[in-house]
């Protein structure tokens, strides 16, 4: 088992200049998976002081482009960022409160990458988002019945990491 790589070393390995802002953005996303850019900006400001909104967006863009962070864009929700990269996991999103959680592929390694007709594409990623209500929102609504799966899901594939 290898020791964890320091975040500054991770940036250097990907050819990214190490800055206090980028390190703070990495930490913020790591501490708040599925946070929005505004969530990240708030955390970064609390840690290092002033940083512009554009500075946060720029850092997020570089870190996503270099494969250090992942951008997810649930329909009707703000773009969110996470540090879990390199696997093909999916997400559950609560329709009421917006809570977003990771879910692993059901079977094997990325079975969702095999489509009936790839139309000549080289598919390297699939994004599946399951929608519903989280347990806390169900409880607040007085819903005491076991959740029933509706079978609804949105599935999209995107090229690139």
Protein backbone atom coordinates (compact mmCIF):
# COMPACT_ATOMS: atom_id res chain seq x y z
CA UNK A 1 0.00 0.00 0.00
CA UNK A 2 1.43 3.36 -1.04
CA UNK A 3 1.33 6.40 1.24
CA UNK A 4 -1.16 9.11 0.25
CA UNK A 5 0.16 11.69 -2.18
CA UNK A 6 0.24 15.25 -0.88
CA UNK A 7 -2.04 17.62 -2.77
CA UNK A 8 0.86 19.82 -3.89
CA UNK A 9 2.61 16.75 -5.31
CA UNK A 10 -0.61 15.76 -7.04
CA UNK A 11 -0.76 19.14 -8.76
CA UNK A 12 2.88 18.90 -9.83
CA UNK A 13 2.36 15.38 -11.20
CA UNK A 14 -0.39 16.73 -13.45
CA UNK A 15 1.69 19.69 -14.59
CA UNK A 16 -0.34 22.24 -12.62
CA UNK A 17 1.37 25.16 -10.93
CA UNK A 18 0.93 24.92 -7.16
CA UNK A 19 -0.86 27.94 -5.71
CA UNK A 20 -2.54 28.55 -2.37
CA UNK A 21 -5.84 29.05 -4.19
CA UNK A 22 -5.68 25.71 -6.04
CA UNK A 23 -4.69 23.85 -2.89
CA UNK A 24 -7.54 25.49 -0.97
CA UNK A 25 -10.01 24.59 -3.75
CA UNK A 26 -8.83 20.96 -3.70
CA UNK A 27 -9.27 20.82 0.09
CA UNK A 28 -12.69 22.48 -0.08
CA UNK A 29 -14.01 20.00 -2.63
CA UNK A 30 -12.48 17.09 -0.73
CA UNK A 31 -14.17 18.27 2.48
CA UNK A 32 -17.52 19.00 0.77
CA UNK A 33 -18.20 16.43 -1.94
CA UNK A 34 -20.86 17.56 -4.40
CA UNK A 35 -20.51 21.19 -3.38
CA UNK A 36 -21.33 24.02 -5.76
CA UNK A 37 -18.81 26.64 -6.87
CA UNK A 38 -20.38 29.00 -4.32
CA UNK A 39 -19.88 26.39 -1.57
CA UNK A 40 -16.25 26.01 -2.62
CA UNK A 41 -15.71 29.79 -2.75
CA UNK A 42 -17.13 30.21 0.76
CA UNK A 43 -14.84 27.48 2.14
CA UNK A 44 -11.79 28.85 0.34
CA UNK A 45 -12.44 32.38 1.61
CA UNK A 46 -12.75 31.02 5.16
CA UNK A 47 -9.39 29.29 4.77
CA UNK A 48 -7.21 31.76 2.85
CA UNK A 49 -9.12 35.02 2.81
CA UNK A 50 -10.02 36.92 -0.32
CA UNK A 51 -10.44 35.09 -3.61
CA UNK A 52 -12.63 36.25 -6.46
CA UNK A 53 -15.48 34.19 -7.77
CA UNK A 54 -13.63 34.05 -11.11
CA UNK A 55 -10.52 32.79 -9.30
CA UNK A 56 -12.55 29.90 -7.86
CA UNK A 57 -14.07 29.09 -11.26
CA UNK A 58 -10.64 29.23 -12.89
CA UNK A 59 -9.14 26.88 -10.29
CA UNK A 60 -12.08 24.48 -10.57
CA UNK A 61 -11.77 24.49 -14.36
CA UNK A 62 -8.06 23.68 -14.30
CA UNK A 63 -8.51 20.94 -11.69
CA UNK A 64 -11.36 19.36 -13.67
CA UNK A 65 -9.39 19.59 -16.94
CA UNK A 66 -6.42 17.86 -15.30
CA UNK A 67 -8.61 15.07 -13.91
CA UNK A 68 -8.15 16.00 -10.26
CA UNK A 69 -11.80 16.90 -9.74
CA UNK A 70 -15.02 15.83 -11.43
CA UNK A 71 -17.82 18.16 -12.50
CA UNK A 72 -21.37 16.86 -12.36
CA UNK A 73 -24.35 18.74 -13.70
CA UNK A 74 -27.70 17.34 -12.54
CA UNK A 75 -30.57 18.75 -14.61
CA UNK A 76 -32.12 21.79 -12.97
CA UNK A 77 -29.39 21.97 -10.33
CA UNK A 78 -26.22 23.99 -10.06
CA UNK A 79 -23.00 22.39 -11.25
CA UNK A 80 -21.35 20.40 -8.47
CA UNK A 81 -17.78 19.24 -7.92
CA UNK A 82 -16.29 16.17 -6.31
CA UNK A 83 -12.86 14.70 -5.70
CA UNK A 84 -13.84 11.11 -6.49
CA UNK A 85 -12.38 10.62 -9.96
CA UNK A 86 -11.09 7.70 -11.95
CA UNK A 87 -14.05 5.41 -11.44
CA UNK A 88 -17.43 5.33 -13.08
CA UNK A 89 -19.72 5.88 -10.12
CA UNK A 90 -23.12 7.54 -10.33
CA UNK A 91 -25.28 9.79 -8.15
CA UNK A 92 -28.55 9.95 -6.22
CA UNK A 93 -30.11 13.41 -6.02
CA UNK A 94 -32.95 14.37 -3.68
CA UNK A 95 -35.69 16.27 -5.52
CA UNK A 96 -36.62 18.12 -2.32
CA UNK A 97 -33.37 19.27 -0.71
CA UNK A 98 -30.82 18.63 -3.46
CA UNK A 99 -28.63 16.34 -1.37
CA UNK A 100 -26.35 14.40 -3.71
CA UNK A 101 -24.67 11.11 -2.81
CA UNK A 102 -22.44 8.66 -4.67
CA UNK A 103 -23.62 5.22 -5.75
CA UNK A 104 -21.41 2.57 -7.31
CA UNK A 105 -22.22 0.68 -10.50
CA UNK A 106 -24.47 -2.26 -9.72
CA UNK A 107 -22.52 -4.99 -11.49
CA UNK A 108 -18.88 -5.34 -12.45
CA UNK A 109 -16.76 -2.53 -13.73
CA UNK A 110 -18.71 0.14 -15.57
CA UNK A 111 -21.34 -2.05 -17.25
CA UNK A 112 -23.15 1.13 -18.29
CA UNK A 113 -20.39 1.80 -20.83
CA UNK A 114 -21.70 -0.98 -23.06
CA UNK A 115 -24.49 0.34 -25.26
CA UNK A 116 -26.50 -1.47 -27.91
CA UNK A 117 -25.27 0.86 -30.67
CA UNK A 118 -22.24 3.06 -29.98
CA UNK A 119 -22.60 4.75 -33.41
CA UNK A 120 -18.84 4.65 -33.80
CA UNK A 121 -18.08 6.52 -30.59
CA UNK A 122 -15.30 5.45 -28.26
CA UNK A 123 -17.24 5.59 -24.99
CA UNK A 124 -15.14 6.26 -21.89
CA UNK A 125 -17.66 7.57 -19.38
CA UNK A 126 -21.34 7.31 -18.54
CA UNK A 127 -23.27 9.57 -16.21
CA UNK A 128 -26.33 8.17 -14.51
CA UNK A 129 -28.32 10.25 -12.06
CA UNK A 130 -31.05 8.70 -9.96
CA UNK A 131 -33.70 11.11 -8.68
CA UNK A 132 -35.95 10.73 -5.66
CA UNK A 133 -36.37 11.95 -2.11
CA UNK A 134 -33.81 11.37 0.62
CA UNK A 135 -34.84 9.71 3.92
CA UNK A 136 -34.82 13.04 5.81
CA UNK A 137 -37.16 14.72 3.30
CA UNK A 138 -39.43 11.69 3.24
CA UNK A 139 -39.63 11.78 7.04
CA UNK A 140 -40.37 15.54 7.06
CA UNK A 141 -43.19 14.92 4.57
CA UNK A 142 -44.63 12.20 6.79
CA UNK A 143 -43.91 9.48 4.23
CA UNK A 144 -43.60 6.29 6.27
CA UNK A 145 -43.98 3.76 3.46
CA UNK A 146 -40.94 2.02 2.04
CA UNK A 147 -39.67 3.79 -1.08
CA UNK A 148 -40.76 2.24 -4.36
CA UNK A 149 -38.49 2.46 -7.37
CA UNK A 150 -40.21 4.06 -10.34
CA UNK A 151 -37.60 2.90 -12.77
CA UNK A 152 -37.09 6.48 -13.98
CA UNK A 153 -33.55 7.52 -14.68
CA UNK A 154 -31.63 9.91 -16.84
CA UNK A 155 -28.59 8.50 -18.51
CA UNK A 156 -26.12 10.40 -20.62
CA UNK A 157 -22.69 9.64 -21.91
CA UNK A 158 -19.96 12.17 -22.32
CA UNK A 159 -16.63 11.87 -24.00
CA UNK A 160 -13.58 12.76 -21.95
CA UNK A 161 -12.72 12.24 -18.29
